[in-house]
Amino acid sequence: MSALVARLLTVRQELAIELQRFILLWRYQYRVPPFTLWWRLVLKRGVDLVSGIIGLMVLAPVMALVALAIKLDSKGPILYSQERVGRFGETFKIFKFRSMRIDAEAQGPVWGARDGDPRATRVGRWLRRSHLDELPQLFNVLRGEMSLVGPRPERPHFVDQLNDAVIRYDERHLIKPGMTGLAQVYYRYDTSVADVKRKLRFDLLYVKRMCLALDARILVWTIGVIITGKGR
């Protein structure tokens, strides 16, 4: 009985925390009724689940070929995981195909990867240009740690620095990070604080206007970016 009571108290606390988080997001949104916001979040999660399952099934052959190419190209694991900051500052392990040498950060974390980065493997350079290295993030979407569309998840090491250097940076954590997003289709990877400030405007705009119609447009724009090879 005591275990049941403890579990009920835990559930109550979790629900209270989620309610507080919902209220914070609702207050941030632009004149959106509470039920409308709640329904948008439910639909967004439903789309993420269905798209994640279908995406993994359809792309399984492609992912198998990518895994084989990585294995034949360089030593090291096919996948790598890295700690990232998600919704309301909660950390999670993101999954990606390995695109760099296993000693890429032997000297410590490096912020952003520039064109011609010598740490990238031959296959890795192609994976990053085609964005195929991000396909394993579909597992993060299924697990509820990420969404298809949202702000780019950053590492805790850099989030701590950016919270101090960039005003309102923490507001982008009101929602789940995404595999793609409004800022991602307009700008390259962050390589400076100035880049972060430019992209933050789009991240915060998305948080305010988040809806399935906007998600659909961003996904279409993302396909265009992948096809043309523009952006990252």
C-alpha atoms as a PDB file:
ATOM      1  CA  MET A   1       0.000   0.000   0.000  1.00  0.00           C
ATOM      2  CA  SER A   2       2.830   2.394   0.854  1.00  0.00           C
ATOM      3  CA  ALA A   3       4.360   1.801  -2.582  1.00  0.00           C
ATOM      4  CA  LEU A   4       1.042   2.661  -4.236  1.00  0.00           C
ATOM      5  CA  VAL A   5       0.709   5.848  -2.190  1.00  0.00           C
ATOM      6  CA  ALA A   6       4.274   6.841  -3.079  1.00  0.00           C
ATOM      7  CA  ARG A   7       3.558   6.235  -6.754  1.00  0.00           C
ATOM      8  CA  LEU A   8       0.370   8.305  -6.639  1.00  0.00           C
ATOM      9  CA  LEU A   9       2.249  11.155  -4.974  1.00  0.00           C
ATOM     10  CA  THR A  10       4.925  10.939  -7.668  1.00  0.00           C
ATOM     11  CA  VAL A  11       2.314  11.048 -10.437  1.00  0.00           C
ATOM     12  CA  ARG A  12       0.668  14.017  -8.744  1.00  0.00           C
ATOM     13  CA  GLN A  13       3.967  15.874  -8.618  1.00  0.00           C
ATOM     14  CA  GLU A  14       4.702  15.076 -12.260  1.00  0.00           C
ATOM     15  CA  LEU A  15       1.264  16.313 -13.322  1.00  0.00           C
ATOM     16  CA  ALA A  16       1.741  19.508 -11.319  1.00  0.00           C
ATOM     17  CA  ILE A  17       5.098  20.122 -13.009  1.00  0.00           C
ATOM     18  CA  GLU A  18       3.624  19.513 -16.472  1.00  0.00           C
ATOM     19  CA  LEU A  19       0.748  21.887 -15.696  1.00  0.00           C
ATOM     20  CA  GLN A  20       3.197  24.599 -14.664  1.00  0.00           C
ATOM     21  CA  ARG A  21       5.174  24.061 -17.858  1.00  0.00           C
ATOM     22  CA  PHE A  22       2.005  24.212 -19.952  1.00  0.00           C
ATOM     23  CA  ILE A  23       1.022  27.502 -18.313  1.00  0.00           C
ATOM     24  CA  LEU A  24       4.445  28.971 -19.054  1.00  0.00           C
ATOM     25  CA  LEU A  25       4.177  28.013 -22.716  1.00  0.00           C
ATOM     26  CA  TRP A  26       0.577  29.231 -22.930  1.00  0.00           C
ATOM     27  CA  ARG A  27       1.569  32.621 -21.509  1.00  0.00           C
ATOM     28  CA  TYR A  28       4.361  32.806 -24.087  1.00  0.00           C
ATOM     29  CA  GLN A  29       2.121  31.963 -27.041  1.00  0.00           C
ATOM     30  CA  TYR A  30       0.469  34.741 -29.011  1.00  0.00           C
ATOM     31  CA  ARG A  31      -3.211  34.946 -27.991  1.00  0.00           C
ATOM     32  CA  VAL A  32      -3.816  31.203 -28.156  1.00  0.00           C
ATOM     33  CA  PRO A  33      -6.661  29.769 -26.015  1.00  0.00           C
ATOM     34  CA  PRO A  34      -5.458  27.092 -23.562  1.00  0.00           C
ATOM     35  CA  PHE A  35      -7.480  24.295 -25.181  1.00  0.00           C
ATOM     36  CA  THR A  36      -6.160  25.210 -28.629  1.00  0.00           C
ATOM     37  CA  LEU A  37      -2.586  25.019 -27.374  1.00  0.00           C
ATOM     38  CA  TRP A  38      -3.239  21.712 -25.612  1.00  0.00           C
ATOM     39  CA  TRP A  39      -4.792  20.253 -28.770  1.00  0.00           C
ATOM     40  CA  ARG A  40      -1.872  21.472 -30.883  1.00  0.00           C
ATOM     41  CA  LEU A  41       0.579  19.729 -28.548  1.00  0.00           C
ATOM     42  CA  VAL A  42      -1.449  16.503 -28.676  1.00  0.00           C
ATOM     43  CA  LEU A  43      -1.584  16.579 -32.484  1.00  0.00           C
ATOM     44  CA  LYS A  44       2.108  17.439 -32.698  1.00  0.00           C
ATOM     45  CA  ARG A  45       3.018  14.422 -30.570  1.00  0.00           C
ATOM     46  CA  GLY A  46       0.708  12.200 -32.614  1.00  0.00           C
ATOM     47  CA  VAL A  47       2.306  13.342 -35.865  1.00  0.00           C
ATOM     48  CA  ASP A  48       5.763  12.774 -34.374  1.00  0.00           C
ATOM     49  CA  LEU A  49       4.892   9.200 -33.387  1.00  0.00           C
ATOM     50  CA  VAL A  50       3.333   8.254 -36.710  1.00  0.00           C
ATOM     51  CA  SER A  51       6.028   9.979 -38.762  1.00  0.00           C
ATOM     52  CA  GLY A  52       8.784   8.430 -36.654  1.00  0.00           C
ATOM     53  CA  ILE A  53       7.451   4.903 -37.134  1.00  0.00           C
ATOM     54  CA  ILE A  54       6.831   5.335 -40.864  1.00  0.00           C
ATOM     55  CA  GLY A  55      10.146   7.123 -41.332  1.00  0.00           C
ATOM     56  CA  LEU A  56      12.143   4.330 -39.711  1.00  0.00           C
ATOM     57  CA  MET A  57      10.320   1.675 -41.743  1.00  0.00           C
ATOM     58  CA  VAL A  58      10.759   3.480 -45.074  1.00  0.00           C
ATOM     59  CA  LEU A  59      14.305   4.625 -44.458  1.00  0.00           C
ATOM     60  CA  ALA A  60      15.581   1.355 -42.963  1.00  0.00           C
ATOM     61  CA  PRO A  61      17.345   0.311 -46.227  1.00  0.00           C
ATOM     62  CA  VAL A  62      18.986   3.739 -46.538  1.00  0.00           C
ATOM     63  CA  MET A  63      20.129   3.635 -42.917  1.00  0.00           C
ATOM     64  CA  ALA A  64      21.561   0.147 -43.452  1.00  0.00           C
ATOM     65  CA  LEU A  65      23.595   1.368 -46.444  1.00  0.00           C
ATOM     66  CA  VAL A  66      24.817   4.396 -44.497  1.00  0.00           C
ATOM     67  CA  ALA A  67      25.865   2.144 -41.615  1.00  0.00           C
ATOM     68  CA  LEU A  68      27.808  -0.096 -44.010  1.00  0.00           C
ATOM     69  CA  ALA A  69      29.532   2.896 -45.619  1.00  0.00           C
ATOM     70  CA  ILE A  70      30.607   4.248 -42.231  1.00  0.00           C
ATOM     71  CA  LYS A  71      31.945   0.866 -41.167  1.00  0.00           C
ATOM     72  CA  LEU A  72      33.977   0.457 -44.351  1.00  0.00           C
ATOM     73  CA  ASP A  73      35.273   4.027 -44.335  1.00  0.00           C
ATOM     74  CA  SER A  74      36.788   4.432 -40.871  1.00  0.00           C
ATOM     75  CA  LYS A  75      37.361   2.794 -37.517  1.00  0.00           C
ATOM     76  CA  GLY A  76      34.884   3.408 -34.739  1.00  0.00           C
ATOM     77  CA  PRO A  77      31.191   2.935 -33.956  1.00  0.00           C
ATOM     78  CA  ILE A  78      28.504   3.476 -36.571  1.00  0.00           C
ATOM     79  CA  LEU A  79      26.347   5.540 -34.239  1.00  0.00           C
ATOM     80  CA  TYR A  80      27.351   7.976 -31.560  1.00  0.00           C
ATOM     81  CA  SER A  81      25.346   9.512 -28.771  1.00  0.00           C
ATOM     82  CA  GLN A  82      25.882  12.895 -27.204  1.00  0.00           C
ATOM     83  CA  GLU A  83      24.212  14.711 -24.341  1.00  0.00           C
ATOM     84  CA  ARG A  84      21.924  17.528 -25.430  1.00  0.00           C
ATOM     85  CA  VAL A  85      19.555  19.925 -23.685  1.00  0.00           C
ATOM     86  CA  GLY A  86      15.865  19.421 -24.345  1.00  0.00           C
ATOM     87  CA  ARG A  87      12.568  20.785 -23.112  1.00  0.00           C
ATOM     88  CA  PHE A  88      12.845  22.858 -19.930  1.00  0.00           C
ATOM     89  CA  GLY A  89      16.527  22.079 -19.628  1.00  0.00           C
ATOM     90  CA  GLU A  90      16.154  18.312 -19.319  1.00  0.00           C
ATOM     91  CA  THR A  91      19.126  16.514 -20.859  1.00  0.00           C
ATOM     92  CA  PHE A  92      18.950  13.478 -23.129  1.00  0.00           C
ATOM     93  CA  LYS A  93      21.205  11.408 -25.362  1.00  0.00           C
ATOM     94  CA  ILE A  94      20.883  12.305 -29.031  1.00  0.00           C
ATOM     95  CA  PHE A  95      21.639   9.656 -31.669  1.00  0.00           C
ATOM     96  CA  LYS A  96      23.428  10.371 -34.945  1.00  0.00           C
ATOM     97  CA  PHE A  97      25.471   8.528 -37.529  1.00  0.00           C
ATOM     98  CA  ARG A  98      29.136   9.114 -36.823  1.00  0.00           C
ATOM     99  CA  SER A  99      30.558  11.613 -39.316  1.00  0.00           C
ATOM    100  CA  MET A 100      33.889  12.397 -37.630  1.00  0.00           C
ATOM    101  CA  ARG A 101      36.966  10.605 -36.404  1.00  0.00           C
ATOM    102  CA  ILE A 102      36.657   8.984 -32.991  1.00  0.00           C
ATOM    103  CA  ASP A 103      39.229  11.457 -31.597  1.00  0.00           C
ATOM    104  CA  ALA A 104      37.439  14.522 -33.021  1.00  0.00           C
ATOM    105  CA  GLU A 105      37.082  16.174 -29.607  1.00  0.00           C
ATOM    106  CA  ALA A 106      40.159  14.853 -27.877  1.00  0.00           C
ATOM    107  CA  GLN A 107      41.048  18.467 -26.983  1.00  0.00           C
ATOM    108  CA  GLY A 108      37.570  19.262 -25.665  1.00  0.00           C
ATOM    109  CA  PRO A 109      34.142  20.299 -27.057  1.00  0.00           C
ATOM    110  CA  VAL A 110      34.187  22.195 -30.346  1.00  0.00           C
ATOM    111  CA  TRP A 111      31.348  24.562 -31.179  1.00  0.00           C
ATOM    112  CA  GLY A 112      30.069  24.079 -34.698  1.00  0.00           C
ATOM    113  CA  ALA A 113      31.683  22.376 -37.680  1.00  0.00           C
ATOM    114  CA  ARG A 114      32.909  24.501 -40.572  1.00  0.00           C
ATOM    115  CA  ASP A 115      33.166  23.518 -44.215  1.00  0.00           C
ATOM    116  CA  GLY A 116      36.241  21.404 -44.840  1.00  0.00           C
ATOM    117  CA  ASP A 117      36.516  20.402 -41.179  1.00  0.00           C
ATOM    118  CA  PRO A 118      39.540  18.064 -41.065  1.00  0.00           C
ATOM    119  CA  ARG A 119      37.925  16.035 -38.293  1.00  0.00           C
ATOM    120  CA  ALA A 120      35.223  14.750 -40.671  1.00  0.00           C
ATOM    121  CA  THR A 121      35.656  11.393 -42.390  1.00  0.00           C
ATOM    122  CA  ARG A 122      35.211  10.992 -46.137  1.00  0.00           C
ATOM    123  CA  VAL A 123      31.768   9.466 -45.719  1.00  0.00           C
ATOM    124  CA  GLY A 124      31.049  11.890 -42.887  1.00  0.00           C
ATOM    125  CA  ARG A 125      31.457  14.947 -45.124  1.00  0.00           C
ATOM    126  CA  TRP A 126      28.870  13.534 -47.496  1.00  0.00           C
ATOM    127  CA  LEU A 127      26.548  12.582 -44.643  1.00  0.00           C
ATOM    128  CA  ARG A 128      26.631  16.091 -43.230  1.00  0.00           C
ATOM    129  CA  ARG A 129      25.968  17.703 -46.628  1.00  0.00           C
ATOM    130  CA  SER A 130      23.015  15.383 -47.234  1.00  0.00           C
ATOM    131  CA  HIS A 131      21.824  15.496 -43.595  1.00  0.00           C
ATOM    132  CA  LEU A 132      21.649  11.684 -43.538  1.00  0.00           C
ATOM    133  CA  ASP A 133      23.725  11.677 -40.359  1.00  0.00           C
ATOM    134  CA  GLU A 134      20.624  12.937 -38.525  1.00  0.00           C
ATOM    135  CA  LEU A 135      18.296  10.046 -39.429  1.00  0.00           C
ATOM    136  CA  PRO A 136      18.872   8.158 -36.129  1.00  0.00           C
ATOM    137  CA  GLN A 137      17.253  11.106 -34.363  1.00  0.00           C
ATOM    138  CA  LEU A 138      13.966   9.500 -35.376  1.00  0.00           C
ATOM    139  CA  PHE A 139      14.535   7.241 -32.353  1.00  0.00           C
ATOM    140  CA  ASN A 140      14.701  10.364 -30.166  1.00  0.00           C
ATOM    141  CA  VAL A 141      11.421  11.512 -31.700  1.00  0.00           C
ATOM    142  CA  LEU A 142       9.747   8.200 -30.878  1.00  0.00           C
ATOM    143  CA  ARG A 143      11.042   8.377 -27.318  1.00  0.00           C
ATOM    144  CA  GLY A 144       9.484  11.812 -26.884  1.00  0.00           C
ATOM    145  CA  GLU A 145      12.800  13.590 -26.362  1.00  0.00           C
ATOM    146  CA  MET A 146      12.591  15.471 -29.655  1.00  0.00           C
ATOM    147  CA  SER A 147      10.030  16.530 -32.223  1.00  0.00           C
ATOM    148  CA  LEU A 148      10.254  16.607 -35.999  1.00  0.00           C
ATOM    149  CA  VAL A 149      10.204  20.406 -35.850  1.00  0.00           C
ATOM    150  CA  GLY A 150      11.650  22.611 -33.140  1.00  0.00           C
ATOM    151  CA  PRO A 151      14.786  24.494 -32.077  1.00  0.00           C
ATOM    152  CA  ARG A 152      18.105  22.731 -32.617  1.00  0.00           C
ATOM    153  CA  PRO A 153      19.228  20.884 -29.449  1.00  0.00           C
ATOM    154  CA  GLU A 154      22.525  22.153 -28.068  1.00  0.00           C
ATOM    155  CA  ARG A 155      25.038  20.630 -25.679  1.00  0.00           C
ATOM    156  CA  PRO A 156      24.937  21.543 -21.966  1.00  0.00           C
ATOM    157  CA  HIS A 157      28.504  22.844 -22.130  1.00  0.00           C
ATOM    158  CA  PHE A 158      27.482  25.539 -24.614  1.00  0.00           C
ATOM    159  CA  VAL A 159      23.972  26.143 -23.246  1.00  0.00           C
ATOM    160  CA  ASP A 160      25.474  27.295 -19.943  1.00  0.00           C
ATOM    161  CA  GLN A 161      27.627  29.800 -21.805  1.00  0.00           C
ATOM    162  CA  LEU A 162      24.863  31.007 -24.129  1.00  0.00           C
ATOM    163  CA  ASN A 163      22.385  31.520 -21.284  1.00  0.00           C
ATOM    164  CA  ASP A 164      24.818  34.107 -19.912  1.00  0.00           C
ATOM    165  CA  ALA A 165      25.793  35.637 -23.256  1.00  0.00           C
ATOM    166  CA  VAL A 166      22.457  35.779 -25.103  1.00  0.00           C
ATOM    167  CA  ILE A 167      19.350  37.411 -23.660  1.00  0.00           C
ATOM    168  CA  ARG A 168      16.233  35.165 -23.680  1.00  0.00           C
ATOM    169  CA  TYR A 169      18.207  32.164 -24.929  1.00  0.00           C
ATOM    170  CA  ASP A 170      16.555  29.904 -22.343  1.00  0.00           C
ATOM    171  CA  GLU A 171      13.096  30.655 -23.794  1.00  0.00           C
ATOM    172  CA  ARG A 172      13.785  28.334 -26.731  1.00  0.00           C
ATOM    173  CA  HIS A 173      13.606  25.446 -24.238  1.00  0.00           C
ATOM    174  CA  LEU A 174       9.882  25.963 -23.647  1.00  0.00           C
ATOM    175  CA  ILE A 175       9.278  23.262 -26.272  1.00  0.00           C
ATOM    176  CA  LYS A 176      11.020  20.104 -27.438  1.00  0.00           C
ATOM    177  CA  PRO A 177      13.994  20.478 -29.775  1.00  0.00           C
ATOM    178  CA  GLY A 178      13.534  19.328 -33.353  1.00  0.00           C
ATOM    179  CA  MET A 179      15.288  17.464 -36.143  1.00  0.00           C
ATOM    180  CA  THR A 180      14.663  20.564 -38.231  1.00  0.00           C
ATOM    181  CA  GLY A 181      13.269  23.978 -37.487  1.00  0.00           C
ATOM    182  CA  LEU A 182      12.584  27.499 -38.658  1.00  0.00           C
ATOM    183  CA  ALA A 183      16.080  28.674 -37.739  1.00  0.00           C
ATOM    184  CA  GLN A 184      17.764  25.613 -39.256  1.00  0.00           C
ATOM    185  CA  VAL A 185      16.320  26.197 -42.733  1.00  0.00           C
ATOM    186  CA  TYR A 186      17.481  29.823 -42.741  1.00  0.00           C
ATOM    187  CA  TYR A 187      20.930  29.583 -41.164  1.00  0.00           C
ATOM    188  CA  ARG A 188      23.921  27.295 -40.978  1.00  0.00           C
ATOM    189  CA  TYR A 189      25.266  25.700 -37.797  1.00  0.00           C
ATOM    190  CA  ASP A 190      26.166  28.116 -35.022  1.00  0.00           C
ATOM    191  CA  THR A 191      29.828  29.101 -35.120  1.00  0.00           C
ATOM    192  CA  SER A 192      29.626  32.318 -33.090  1.00  0.00           C
ATOM    193  CA  VAL A 193      27.430  34.138 -30.579  1.00  0.00           C
ATOM    194  CA  ALA A 194      26.305  36.428 -33.413  1.00  0.00           C
ATOM    195  CA  ASP A 195      24.971  33.357 -35.273  1.00  0.00           C
ATOM    196  CA  VAL A 196      23.083  32.280 -32.161  1.00  0.00           C
ATOM    197  CA  LYS A 197      21.461  35.699 -31.768  1.00  0.00           C
ATOM    198  CA  ARG A 198      20.298  35.688 -35.404  1.00  0.00           C
ATOM    199  CA  LYS A 199      18.878  32.180 -35.156  1.00  0.00           C
ATOM    200  CA  LEU A 200      17.271  32.823 -31.769  1.00  0.00           C
ATOM    201  CA  ARG A 201      14.833  35.273 -33.349  1.00  0.00           C
ATOM    202  CA  PHE A 202      13.480  32.473 -35.537  1.00  0.00           C
ATOM    203  CA  ASP A 203      13.428  29.958 -32.672  1.00  0.00           C
ATOM    204  CA  LEU A 204      11.375  32.302 -30.487  1.00  0.00           C
ATOM    205  CA  LEU A 205       9.072  33.153 -33.375  1.00  0.00           C
ATOM    206  CA  TYR A 206       8.425  29.437 -33.835  1.00  0.00           C
ATOM    207  CA  VAL A 207       7.690  28.974 -30.121  1.00  0.00           C
ATOM    208  CA  LYS A 208       5.117  31.756 -30.336  1.00  0.00           C
ATOM    209  CA  ARG A 209       3.473  30.552 -33.572  1.00  0.00           C
ATOM    210  CA  MET A 210       3.856  26.770 -33.208  1.00  0.00           C
ATOM    211  CA  CYS A 211       1.153  24.845 -35.080  1.00  0.00           C
ATOM    212  CA  LEU A 212       0.907  21.925 -37.517  1.00  0.00           C
ATOM    213  CA  ALA A 213       0.483  24.210 -40.526  1.00  0.00           C
ATOM    214  CA  LEU A 214       3.784  25.915 -39.745  1.00  0.00           C
ATOM    215  CA  ASP A 215       5.418  22.527 -39.114  1.00  0.00           C
ATOM    216  CA  ALA A 216       4.290  21.330 -42.539  1.00  0.00           C
ATOM    217  CA  ARG A 217       5.769  24.397 -44.231  1.00  0.00           C
ATOM    218  CA  ILE A 218       9.064  23.980 -42.393  1.00  0.00           C
ATOM    219  CA  LEU A 219       9.272  20.314 -43.395  1.00  0.00           C
ATOM    220  CA  VAL A 220       8.702  21.283 -47.046  1.00  0.00           C
ATOM    221  CA  TRP A 221      11.393  23.965 -46.781  1.00  0.00           C
ATOM    222  CA  THR A 222      13.709  21.387 -45.202  1.00  0.00           C
ATOM    223  CA  ILE A 223      13.257  19.046 -48.170  1.00  0.00           C
ATOM    224  CA  GLY A 224      14.176  21.945 -50.439  1.00  0.00           C
ATOM    225  CA  VAL A 225      17.301  22.662 -48.389  1.00  0.00           C
ATOM    226  CA  ILE A 226      18.351  19.001 -48.599  1.00  0.00           C
ATOM    227  CA  ILE A 227      17.755  18.813 -52.359  1.00  0.00           C
ATOM    228  CA  THR A 228      19.559  22.047 -53.162  1.00  0.00           C
ATOM    229  CA  GLY A 229      22.325  21.471 -50.628  1.00  0.00           C
ATOM    230  CA  LYS A 230      21.850  24.932 -49.142  1.00  0.00           C
ATOM    231  CA  GLY A 231      21.962  25.507 -45.401  1.00  0.00           C
ATOM    232  CA  ARG A 232      22.710  22.930 -42.717  1.00  0.00           C
END
